[in-house]
């Protein structure tokens, strides 16, 4: 399926951070919302929300992207407003680079594709090539623990995080836990999810009328979660956030209030404290870190 979405490649100037366009390709669908590079740097994956498609691209020697190979999801969910069709929300490669995980909010599944990093081919076993969410849960994003034994999925519509054991590409459900403080009226719009670099805590953001980040302590042996606290993002619509590589800071991208709020992170408790620092930017939706050698 071709659509109106596009994905572009750029060269990056390490001295001044300037980006220079290289080329642009169709995203293979409508409203692309996620892009991921595989661990070899030779392949790029893109998820298209509205059309429920994902595409894979080769990366040429000059950094340009090859033509897309596109996969179309199918199906619906019980929420007629949000799950009238497939809605691919992210495309995340496994730590060993052998599997691609694709949460689809519209069909309540995390699709699992075997990935060949020599050819770029994605293969799905229709019988068991997915992890099913609860009906109407709306899986959105997935992340892996640093120890590579556990994975965590945030459910946008249910306001939950699911913990999984990760082994040989498969996901075995261990636990579902709420992202919502029970003293609040829930309208979660749960969005993003990240594990701290030391693997001790997991963080999950809520939009809706909550506009906060929940954090959990991770049991290192079982991978299960215990609620540790909630922190307002001091803005509106935290669609995305990220933890800096040192683990000292968490940056919350408040899409609805046009700024990034910088929090100090306590490595012992996981707690977040406002630093008072703000980064003004129009409708921030994604934060990534760049390593400059």
C-alpha atoms as a PDB file:
ATOM      1  CA  UNK A   1       0.000   0.000   0.000  1.00  0.00           C
ATOM      2  CA  UNK A   2       1.335   3.421  -0.941  1.00  0.00           C
ATOM      3  CA  UNK A   3       0.199   6.482   0.962  1.00  0.00           C
ATOM      4  CA  UNK A   4       0.939  10.082   1.699  1.00  0.00           C
ATOM      5  CA  UNK A   5       3.573   9.427   4.362  1.00  0.00           C
ATOM      6  CA  UNK A   6       7.296   9.852   3.786  1.00  0.00           C
ATOM      7  CA  UNK A   7      10.586   8.983   5.464  1.00  0.00           C
ATOM      8  CA  UNK A   8      13.824  10.874   4.846  1.00  0.00           C
ATOM      9  CA  UNK A   9      17.522  10.313   5.445  1.00  0.00           C
ATOM     10  CA  UNK A  10      20.060  12.987   6.369  1.00  0.00           C
ATOM     11  CA  UNK A  11      23.776  13.343   6.869  1.00  0.00           C
ATOM     12  CA  UNK A  12      24.765  14.587  10.325  1.00  0.00           C
ATOM     13  CA  UNK A  13      27.519  17.130  10.971  1.00  0.00           C
ATOM     14  CA  UNK A  14      29.132  16.125  14.273  1.00  0.00           C
ATOM     15  CA  UNK A  15      30.624  19.578  14.768  1.00  0.00           C
ATOM     16  CA  UNK A  16      27.549  21.779  14.593  1.00  0.00           C
ATOM     17  CA  UNK A  17      24.699  19.232  14.562  1.00  0.00           C
ATOM     18  CA  UNK A  18      23.482  20.348  11.163  1.00  0.00           C
ATOM     19  CA  UNK A  19      21.378  17.937   9.084  1.00  0.00           C
ATOM     20  CA  UNK A  20      21.621  17.777   5.300  1.00  0.00           C
ATOM     21  CA  UNK A  21      18.915  15.941   3.310  1.00  0.00           C
ATOM     22  CA  UNK A  22      20.010  12.872   1.323  1.00  0.00           C
ATOM     23  CA  UNK A  23      16.783  11.382  -0.041  1.00  0.00           C
ATOM     24  CA  UNK A  24      13.111  10.730   0.683  1.00  0.00           C
ATOM     25  CA  UNK A  25      10.991   7.641   0.146  1.00  0.00           C
ATOM     26  CA  UNK A  26       7.328   6.803   0.610  1.00  0.00           C
ATOM     27  CA  UNK A  27       6.617   5.400   4.067  1.00  0.00           C
ATOM     28  CA  UNK A  28       4.340   2.816   2.465  1.00  0.00           C
ATOM     29  CA  UNK A  29       1.251   4.132   4.198  1.00  0.00           C
ATOM     30  CA  UNK A  30      -0.432   7.035   5.953  1.00  0.00           C
ATOM     31  CA  UNK A  31       0.592   8.953   9.072  1.00  0.00           C
ATOM     32  CA  UNK A  32       4.002   7.392   9.796  1.00  0.00           C
ATOM     33  CA  UNK A  33       4.662   7.600  13.545  1.00  0.00           C
ATOM     34  CA  UNK A  34       7.797   5.563  14.281  1.00  0.00           C
ATOM     35  CA  UNK A  35      11.212   4.923  12.734  1.00  0.00           C
ATOM     36  CA  UNK A  36      13.876   2.444  13.898  1.00  0.00           C
ATOM     37  CA  UNK A  37      17.342   1.521  12.611  1.00  0.00           C
ATOM     38  CA  UNK A  38      18.477  -2.079  13.052  1.00  0.00           C
ATOM     39  CA  UNK A  39      21.628  -2.909  15.023  1.00  0.00           C
ATOM     40  CA  UNK A  40      23.789  -3.215  11.902  1.00  0.00           C
ATOM     41  CA  UNK A  41      22.790   0.237  10.655  1.00  0.00           C
ATOM     42  CA  UNK A  42      21.938  -1.273   7.265  1.00  0.00           C
ATOM     43  CA  UNK A  43      18.144  -1.425   7.582  1.00  0.00           C
ATOM     44  CA  UNK A  44      15.400   1.000   8.623  1.00  0.00           C
ATOM     45  CA  UNK A  45      11.844   0.165   9.765  1.00  0.00           C
ATOM     46  CA  UNK A  46       8.893   2.571   9.680  1.00  0.00           C
ATOM     47  CA  UNK A  47       5.406   2.154  11.159  1.00  0.00           C
ATOM     48  CA  UNK A  48       2.342   3.844   9.626  1.00  0.00           C
ATOM     49  CA  UNK A  49      -0.472   4.425  12.096  1.00  0.00           C
ATOM     50  CA  UNK A  50      -3.529   5.211   9.984  1.00  0.00           C
ATOM     51  CA  UNK A  51      -2.979   2.587   7.290  1.00  0.00           C
ATOM     52  CA  UNK A  52      -1.748  -0.163   9.636  1.00  0.00           C
ATOM     53  CA  UNK A  53       1.366  -0.851   7.591  1.00  0.00           C
ATOM     54  CA  UNK A  54       5.088  -1.198   8.231  1.00  0.00           C
ATOM     55  CA  UNK A  55       7.953  -0.816   5.783  1.00  0.00           C
ATOM     56  CA  UNK A  56      11.597  -1.885   5.705  1.00  0.00           C
ATOM     57  CA  UNK A  57      14.341  -0.079   3.754  1.00  0.00           C
ATOM     58  CA  UNK A  58      17.936  -0.836   2.911  1.00  0.00           C
ATOM     59  CA  UNK A  59      20.488   1.855   3.758  1.00  0.00           C
ATOM     60  CA  UNK A  60      22.885   2.542   0.904  1.00  0.00           C
ATOM     61  CA  UNK A  61      26.559   3.447   1.316  1.00  0.00           C
ATOM     62  CA  UNK A  62      25.790   7.156   0.959  1.00  0.00           C
ATOM     63  CA  UNK A  63      23.110   6.952   3.648  1.00  0.00           C
ATOM     64  CA  UNK A  64      20.208   7.090   1.228  1.00  0.00           C
ATOM     65  CA  UNK A  65      17.207   4.795   1.668  1.00  0.00           C
ATOM     66  CA  UNK A  66      16.240   2.123  -0.834  1.00  0.00           C
ATOM     67  CA  UNK A  67      12.685   1.445  -1.952  1.00  0.00           C
ATOM     68  CA  UNK A  68      10.307   0.197   0.759  1.00  0.00           C
ATOM     69  CA  UNK A  69       9.089  -3.362   1.194  1.00  0.00           C
ATOM     70  CA  UNK A  70       5.698  -2.909   2.882  1.00  0.00           C
ATOM     71  CA  UNK A  71       3.551  -5.240   4.986  1.00  0.00           C
ATOM     72  CA  UNK A  72      -0.174  -4.616   5.542  1.00  0.00           C
ATOM     73  CA  UNK A  73      -1.835  -5.636   8.813  1.00  0.00           C
ATOM     74  CA  UNK A  74      -5.528  -6.527   8.955  1.00  0.00           C
ATOM     75  CA  UNK A  75      -8.199  -6.827  11.618  1.00  0.00           C
ATOM     76  CA  UNK A  76     -10.232  -4.744  14.069  1.00  0.00           C
ATOM     77  CA  UNK A  77     -10.861  -4.405  17.803  1.00  0.00           C
ATOM     78  CA  UNK A  78     -13.922  -3.801  20.000  1.00  0.00           C
ATOM     79  CA  UNK A  79     -13.381  -0.037  20.330  1.00  0.00           C
ATOM     80  CA  UNK A  80     -15.226   1.184  17.232  1.00  0.00           C
ATOM     81  CA  UNK A  81     -13.727   4.671  17.384  1.00  0.00           C
ATOM     82  CA  UNK A  82     -10.092   3.681  17.861  1.00  0.00           C
ATOM     83  CA  UNK A  83      -9.925   0.100  16.559  1.00  0.00           C
ATOM     84  CA  UNK A  84     -11.894   0.238  13.298  1.00  0.00           C
ATOM     85  CA  UNK A  85      -8.806  -1.144  11.539  1.00  0.00           C
ATOM     86  CA  UNK A  86      -5.113  -1.897  12.136  1.00  0.00           C
ATOM     87  CA  UNK A  87      -2.968   0.896  13.598  1.00  0.00           C
ATOM     88  CA  UNK A  88       0.775   0.175  13.709  1.00  0.00           C
ATOM     89  CA  UNK A  89       2.300   2.266  16.495  1.00  0.00           C
ATOM     90  CA  UNK A  90       5.961   1.285  16.639  1.00  0.00           C
ATOM     91  CA  UNK A  91       8.607  -0.976  15.092  1.00  0.00           C
ATOM     92  CA  UNK A  92      11.238  -2.145  17.593  1.00  0.00           C
ATOM     93  CA  UNK A  93      14.121  -4.505  16.851  1.00  0.00           C
ATOM     94  CA  UNK A  94      15.093  -7.101  19.450  1.00  0.00           C
ATOM     95  CA  UNK A  95      18.419  -6.768  21.295  1.00  0.00           C
ATOM     96  CA  UNK A  96      19.889  -9.649  19.240  1.00  0.00           C
ATOM     97  CA  UNK A  97      18.657  -8.071  15.960  1.00  0.00           C
ATOM     98  CA  UNK A  98      16.774 -11.239  15.005  1.00  0.00           C
ATOM     99  CA  UNK A  99      13.157 -10.166  15.626  1.00  0.00           C
ATOM    100  CA  UNK A 100      11.030  -7.110  14.905  1.00  0.00           C
ATOM    101  CA  UNK A 101       8.186  -6.296  17.315  1.00  0.00           C
ATOM    102  CA  UNK A 102       5.258  -4.282  16.000  1.00  0.00           C
ATOM    103  CA  UNK A 103       2.531  -3.270  18.497  1.00  0.00           C
ATOM    104  CA  UNK A 104      -0.725  -2.692  16.627  1.00  0.00           C
ATOM    105  CA  UNK A 105      -3.265  -0.682  18.623  1.00  0.00           C
ATOM    106  CA  UNK A 106      -6.121  -1.502  16.256  1.00  0.00           C
ATOM    107  CA  UNK A 107      -5.946  -5.293  16.418  1.00  0.00           C
ATOM    108  CA  UNK A 108      -4.759  -5.803  20.030  1.00  0.00           C
ATOM    109  CA  UNK A 109      -1.609  -7.659  19.029  1.00  0.00           C
ATOM    110  CA  UNK A 110       2.139  -7.246  19.175  1.00  0.00           C
ATOM    111  CA  UNK A 111       3.141  -8.765  15.855  1.00  0.00           C
ATOM    112  CA  UNK A 112       6.457 -10.638  15.848  1.00  0.00           C
ATOM    113  CA  UNK A 113       8.533 -10.862  12.666  1.00  0.00           C
ATOM    114  CA  UNK A 114      11.683 -12.906  12.192  1.00  0.00           C
ATOM    115  CA  UNK A 115      14.296 -10.584  10.670  1.00  0.00           C
ATOM    116  CA  UNK A 116      17.130 -11.519   8.301  1.00  0.00           C
ATOM    117  CA  UNK A 117      19.740  -8.754   8.545  1.00  0.00           C
ATOM    118  CA  UNK A 118      21.474 -10.011   5.388  1.00  0.00           C
ATOM    119  CA  UNK A 119      18.437  -9.586   3.130  1.00  0.00           C
ATOM    120  CA  UNK A 120      16.119  -7.355   5.168  1.00  0.00           C
ATOM    121  CA  UNK A 121      13.331  -9.925   4.882  1.00  0.00           C
ATOM    122  CA  UNK A 122      10.612 -10.030   7.546  1.00  0.00           C
ATOM    123  CA  UNK A 123       8.758 -13.316   8.116  1.00  0.00           C
ATOM    124  CA  UNK A 124       5.718 -13.835  10.328  1.00  0.00           C
ATOM    125  CA  UNK A 125       4.439 -17.202  11.538  1.00  0.00           C
ATOM    126  CA  UNK A 126       0.697 -16.681  11.255  1.00  0.00           C
ATOM    127  CA  UNK A 127      -0.014 -19.348  13.903  1.00  0.00           C
ATOM    128  CA  UNK A 128       1.984 -17.926  16.813  1.00  0.00           C
ATOM    129  CA  UNK A 129       3.740 -14.880  15.394  1.00  0.00           C
ATOM    130  CA  UNK A 130       2.189 -12.440  17.837  1.00  0.00           C
ATOM    131  CA  UNK A 131       1.544 -11.699  21.496  1.00  0.00           C
ATOM    132  CA  UNK A 132      -2.154 -11.017  22.090  1.00  0.00           C
ATOM    133  CA  UNK A 133      -3.254  -8.160  24.339  1.00  0.00           C
ATOM    134  CA  UNK A 134      -6.532  -8.075  26.224  1.00  0.00           C
ATOM    135  CA  UNK A 135      -9.469  -7.171  24.005  1.00  0.00           C
ATOM    136  CA  UNK A 136      -9.651  -3.379  23.649  1.00  0.00           C
ATOM    137  CA  UNK A 137      -6.323  -2.756  25.415  1.00  0.00           C
ATOM    138  CA  UNK A 138      -4.614  -1.057  22.459  1.00  0.00           C
ATOM    139  CA  UNK A 139      -0.897  -1.980  22.583  1.00  0.00           C
ATOM    140  CA  UNK A 140       1.212   1.044  21.677  1.00  0.00           C
ATOM    141  CA  UNK A 141       4.959   0.836  22.482  1.00  0.00           C
ATOM    142  CA  UNK A 142       7.381  -1.912  23.507  1.00  0.00           C
ATOM    143  CA  UNK A 143      10.775  -1.734  25.217  1.00  0.00           C
ATOM    144  CA  UNK A 144      13.346  -4.275  26.421  1.00  0.00           C
ATOM    145  CA  UNK A 145      15.154  -4.521  29.753  1.00  0.00           C
ATOM    146  CA  UNK A 146      18.949  -4.110  29.576  1.00  0.00           C
ATOM    147  CA  UNK A 147      19.407  -7.731  30.709  1.00  0.00           C
ATOM    148  CA  UNK A 148      17.546  -8.830  27.535  1.00  0.00           C
ATOM    149  CA  UNK A 149      15.345 -11.212  29.531  1.00  0.00           C
ATOM    150  CA  UNK A 150      12.190  -9.100  29.778  1.00  0.00           C
ATOM    151  CA  UNK A 151      10.070  -6.852  27.567  1.00  0.00           C
ATOM    152  CA  UNK A 152       7.377  -4.339  28.492  1.00  0.00           C
ATOM    153  CA  UNK A 153       4.405  -3.121  26.450  1.00  0.00           C
ATOM    154  CA  UNK A 154       2.228  -0.098  27.222  1.00  0.00           C
ATOM    155  CA  UNK A 155      -1.487  -0.365  26.443  1.00  0.00           C
ATOM    156  CA  UNK A 156      -2.843   3.042  25.426  1.00  0.00           C
ATOM    157  CA  UNK A 157      -6.556   2.346  25.761  1.00  0.00           C
ATOM    158  CA  UNK A 158      -6.459   0.223  28.924  1.00  0.00           C
ATOM    159  CA  UNK A 159      -3.951   2.353  30.815  1.00  0.00           C
ATOM    160  CA  UNK A 160      -1.748  -0.625  31.605  1.00  0.00           C
ATOM    161  CA  UNK A 161       1.776  -1.972  31.260  1.00  0.00           C
ATOM    162  CA  UNK A 162       2.309  -5.638  30.440  1.00  0.00           C
ATOM    163  CA  UNK A 163       5.509  -7.416  31.496  1.00  0.00           C
ATOM    164  CA  UNK A 164       6.741 -10.298  29.344  1.00  0.00           C
ATOM    165  CA  UNK A 165       9.491 -12.854  29.537  1.00  0.00           C
ATOM    166  CA  UNK A 166      11.529 -12.608  26.338  1.00  0.00           C
ATOM    167  CA  UNK A 167      13.099 -15.816  25.042  1.00  0.00           C
ATOM    168  CA  UNK A 168      14.029 -16.942  21.512  1.00  0.00           C
ATOM    169  CA  UNK A 169      11.786 -14.297  19.999  1.00  0.00           C
ATOM    170  CA  UNK A 170       8.711 -15.272  22.019  1.00  0.00           C
ATOM    171  CA  UNK A 171       6.867 -13.170  24.580  1.00  0.00           C
ATOM    172  CA  UNK A 172       5.343 -14.913  27.619  1.00  0.00           C
ATOM    173  CA  UNK A 173       2.991 -12.744  29.676  1.00  0.00           C
ATOM    174  CA  UNK A 174       4.065 -12.307  33.300  1.00  0.00           C
ATOM    175  CA  UNK A 175       1.934  -9.447  34.582  1.00  0.00           C
ATOM    176  CA  UNK A 176      -0.421  -6.603  33.759  1.00  0.00           C
ATOM    177  CA  UNK A 177      -0.311  -3.522  35.961  1.00  0.00           C
ATOM    178  CA  UNK A 178      -2.132  -0.160  35.851  1.00  0.00           C
ATOM    179  CA  UNK A 179      -0.469   3.120  34.877  1.00  0.00           C
ATOM    180  CA  UNK A 180      -3.134   5.049  36.762  1.00  0.00           C
ATOM    181  CA  UNK A 181      -3.190   6.420  40.308  1.00  0.00           C
ATOM    182  CA  UNK A 182      -6.442   5.010  41.685  1.00  0.00           C
ATOM    183  CA  UNK A 183      -7.257   8.371  43.324  1.00  0.00           C
ATOM    184  CA  UNK A 184      -7.586   9.987  39.882  1.00  0.00           C
ATOM    185  CA  UNK A 185     -10.406   9.796  37.358  1.00  0.00           C
ATOM    186  CA  UNK A 186      -8.943   7.711  34.552  1.00  0.00           C
ATOM    187  CA  UNK A 187      -8.603   8.972  31.005  1.00  0.00           C
ATOM    188  CA  UNK A 188      -5.105   7.628  30.562  1.00  0.00           C
ATOM    189  CA  UNK A 189      -4.158   7.926  26.889  1.00  0.00           C
ATOM    190  CA  UNK A 190      -1.050   6.000  27.930  1.00  0.00           C
ATOM    191  CA  UNK A 191       1.787   6.767  25.548  1.00  0.00           C
ATOM    192  CA  UNK A 192       5.498   6.072  26.010  1.00  0.00           C
ATOM    193  CA  UNK A 193       7.553   3.564  27.989  1.00  0.00           C
ATOM    194  CA  UNK A 194      11.262   3.285  28.886  1.00  0.00           C
ATOM    195  CA  UNK A 195      13.490   1.288  31.244  1.00  0.00           C
ATOM    196  CA  UNK A 196      16.246   3.118  33.111  1.00  0.00           C
ATOM    197  CA  UNK A 197      19.784   2.350  31.867  1.00  0.00           C
ATOM    198  CA  UNK A 198      20.550   0.378  35.058  1.00  0.00           C
ATOM    199  CA  UNK A 199      17.444  -1.789  34.528  1.00  0.00           C
ATOM    200  CA  UNK A 200      16.060  -1.031  37.996  1.00  0.00           C
ATOM    201  CA  UNK A 201      13.021   1.094  37.076  1.00  0.00           C
ATOM    202  CA  UNK A 202      10.433   1.365  34.322  1.00  0.00           C
ATOM    203  CA  UNK A 203       8.664   4.617  33.408  1.00  0.00           C
ATOM    204  CA  UNK A 204       5.357   5.085  31.556  1.00  0.00           C
ATOM    205  CA  UNK A 205       3.584   8.291  30.493  1.00  0.00           C
ATOM    206  CA  UNK A 206      -0.129   9.114  30.544  1.00  0.00           C
ATOM    207  CA  UNK A 207      -1.807  11.873  28.553  1.00  0.00           C
ATOM    208  CA  UNK A 208      -5.587  12.431  28.698  1.00  0.00           C
ATOM    209  CA  UNK A 209      -6.502  14.281  31.882  1.00  0.00           C
ATOM    210  CA  UNK A 210      -3.548  12.851  33.823  1.00  0.00           C
ATOM    211  CA  UNK A 211      -0.423  14.290  32.134  1.00  0.00           C
ATOM    212  CA  UNK A 212       1.964  12.350  34.318  1.00  0.00           C
ATOM    213  CA  UNK A 213       4.615   9.657  34.414  1.00  0.00           C
ATOM    214  CA  UNK A 214       4.190   6.510  36.470  1.00  0.00           C
ATOM    215  CA  UNK A 215       7.279   4.648  37.544  1.00  0.00           C
ATOM    216  CA  UNK A 216       7.776   1.101  38.765  1.00  0.00           C
ATOM    217  CA  UNK A 217      10.476  -0.885  40.501  1.00  0.00           C
ATOM    218  CA  UNK A 218      11.565  -3.914  38.450  1.00  0.00           C
ATOM    219  CA  UNK A 219      12.197  -7.209  40.235  1.00  0.00           C
ATOM    220  CA  UNK A 220      15.526  -8.297  38.684  1.00  0.00           C
ATOM    221  CA  UNK A 221      14.778 -12.012  38.952  1.00  0.00           C
ATOM    222  CA  UNK A 222      11.130 -12.150  37.836  1.00  0.00           C
ATOM    223  CA  UNK A 223      10.872  -8.991  35.734  1.00  0.00           C
ATOM    224  CA  UNK A 224       7.615  -8.078  37.496  1.00  0.00           C
ATOM    225  CA  UNK A 225       6.729  -4.500  38.399  1.00  0.00           C
ATOM    226  CA  UNK A 226       5.751  -2.718  41.615  1.00  0.00           C
ATOM    227  CA  UNK A 227       4.302   0.804  41.484  1.00  0.00           C
ATOM    228  CA  UNK A 228       6.802   3.260  42.967  1.00  0.00           C
ATOM    229  CA  UNK A 229       5.183   6.630  42.262  1.00  0.00           C
ATOM    230  CA  UNK A 230       3.622   9.194  39.943  1.00  0.00           C
ATOM    231  CA  UNK A 231       4.986  12.542  38.773  1.00  0.00           C
ATOM    232  CA  UNK A 232       3.175  15.291  36.888  1.00  0.00           C
ATOM    233  CA  UNK A 233       5.005  16.228  33.686  1.00  0.00           C
ATOM    234  CA  UNK A 234       4.196  19.887  34.491  1.00  0.00           C
ATOM    235  CA  UNK A 235       2.691  20.296  31.059  1.00  0.00           C
ATOM    236  CA  UNK A 236       0.177  18.802  28.665  1.00  0.00           C
ATOM    237  CA  UNK A 237       0.225  15.647  26.557  1.00  0.00           C
ATOM    238  CA  UNK A 238       3.505  13.814  27.347  1.00  0.00           C
ATOM    239  CA  UNK A 239       3.432  11.806  24.122  1.00  0.00           C
ATOM    240  CA  UNK A 240       7.112  10.967  24.509  1.00  0.00           C
ATOM    241  CA  UNK A 241       9.924  11.130  27.045  1.00  0.00           C
ATOM    242  CA  UNK A 242      13.438   9.768  27.296  1.00  0.00           C
ATOM    243  CA  UNK A 243      16.123   9.079  29.892  1.00  0.00           C
ATOM    244  CA  UNK A 244      19.634  10.325  29.183  1.00  0.00           C
ATOM    245  CA  UNK A 245      22.331   7.621  28.792  1.00  0.00           C
ATOM    246  CA  UNK A 246      23.826   8.407  32.217  1.00  0.00           C
ATOM    247  CA  UNK A 247      20.449   7.765  33.858  1.00  0.00           C
ATOM    248  CA  UNK A 248      20.614  11.075  35.731  1.00  0.00           C
ATOM    249  CA  UNK A 249      17.872  12.929  33.877  1.00  0.00           C
ATOM    250  CA  UNK A 250      14.468  12.289  32.329  1.00  0.00           C
ATOM    251  CA  UNK A 251      13.206  14.675  29.658  1.00  0.00           C
ATOM    252  CA  UNK A 252       9.423  14.824  29.166  1.00  0.00           C
ATOM    253  CA  UNK A 253       8.155  16.046  25.792  1.00  0.00           C
ATOM    254  CA  UNK A 254       4.870  17.851  26.479  1.00  0.00           C
ATOM    255  CA  UNK A 255       3.319  18.017  23.027  1.00  0.00           C
ATOM    256  CA  UNK A 256       0.305  20.037  24.129  1.00  0.00           C
ATOM    257  CA  UNK A 257       2.216  22.760  25.991  1.00  0.00           C
ATOM    258  CA  UNK A 258       5.106  23.145  23.532  1.00  0.00           C
ATOM    259  CA  UNK A 259       8.050  22.424  25.793  1.00  0.00           C
ATOM    260  CA  UNK A 260      10.351  19.743  27.151  1.00  0.00           C
ATOM    261  CA  UNK A 261      10.587  19.574  30.944  1.00  0.00           C
ATOM    262  CA  UNK A 262      13.868  18.366  32.451  1.00  0.00           C
ATOM    263  CA  UNK A 263      13.636  16.184  35.574  1.00  0.00           C
ATOM    264  CA  UNK A 264      16.448  14.967  37.820  1.00  0.00           C
ATOM    265  CA  UNK A 265      16.170  11.212  38.420  1.00  0.00           C
ATOM    266  CA  UNK A 266      17.021   9.577  41.759  1.00  0.00           C
ATOM    267  CA  UNK A 267      18.806   6.349  40.851  1.00  0.00           C
ATOM    268  CA  UNK A 268      17.989   4.748  44.207  1.00  0.00           C
ATOM    269  CA  UNK A 269      14.237   5.404  44.314  1.00  0.00           C
ATOM    270  CA  UNK A 270      13.441   6.235  40.701  1.00  0.00           C
ATOM    271  CA  UNK A 271      11.786   9.485  41.829  1.00  0.00           C
ATOM    272  CA  UNK A 272      11.697  12.513  39.535  1.00  0.00           C
ATOM    273  CA  UNK A 273      12.403  16.089  40.655  1.00  0.00           C
ATOM    274  CA  UNK A 274      11.831  19.199  38.557  1.00  0.00           C
ATOM    275  CA  UNK A 275      15.137  20.917  37.727  1.00  0.00           C
ATOM    276  CA  UNK A 276      13.361  24.096  36.669  1.00  0.00           C
ATOM    277  CA  UNK A 277      14.888  23.794  33.219  1.00  0.00           C
ATOM    278  CA  UNK A 278      12.683  23.958  30.120  1.00  0.00           C
ATOM    279  CA  UNK A 279      13.381  23.520  26.414  1.00  0.00           C
ATOM    280  CA  UNK A 280      10.800  25.438  24.354  1.00  0.00           C
ATOM    281  CA  UNK A 281       9.875  23.614  21.147  1.00  0.00           C
ATOM    282  CA  UNK A 282       6.682  23.453  19.115  1.00  0.00           C
ATOM    283  CA  UNK A 283       4.657  20.274  19.763  1.00  0.00           C
ATOM    284  CA  UNK A 284       7.566  17.945  20.690  1.00  0.00           C
ATOM    285  CA  UNK A 285       6.715  14.315  19.920  1.00  0.00           C
ATOM    286  CA  UNK A 286      10.040  12.452  20.123  1.00  0.00           C
ATOM    287  CA  UNK A 287      13.387  12.767  21.910  1.00  0.00           C
ATOM    288  CA  UNK A 288      16.481  10.833  20.797  1.00  0.00           C
ATOM    289  CA  UNK A 289      20.094  10.896  21.968  1.00  0.00           C
ATOM    290  CA  UNK A 290      23.021  11.254  19.597  1.00  0.00           C
ATOM    291  CA  UNK A 291      26.400   9.716  20.472  1.00  0.00           C
ATOM    292  CA  UNK A 292      29.331  11.645  19.015  1.00  0.00           C
ATOM    293  CA  UNK A 293      32.602   9.726  19.047  1.00  0.00           C
END
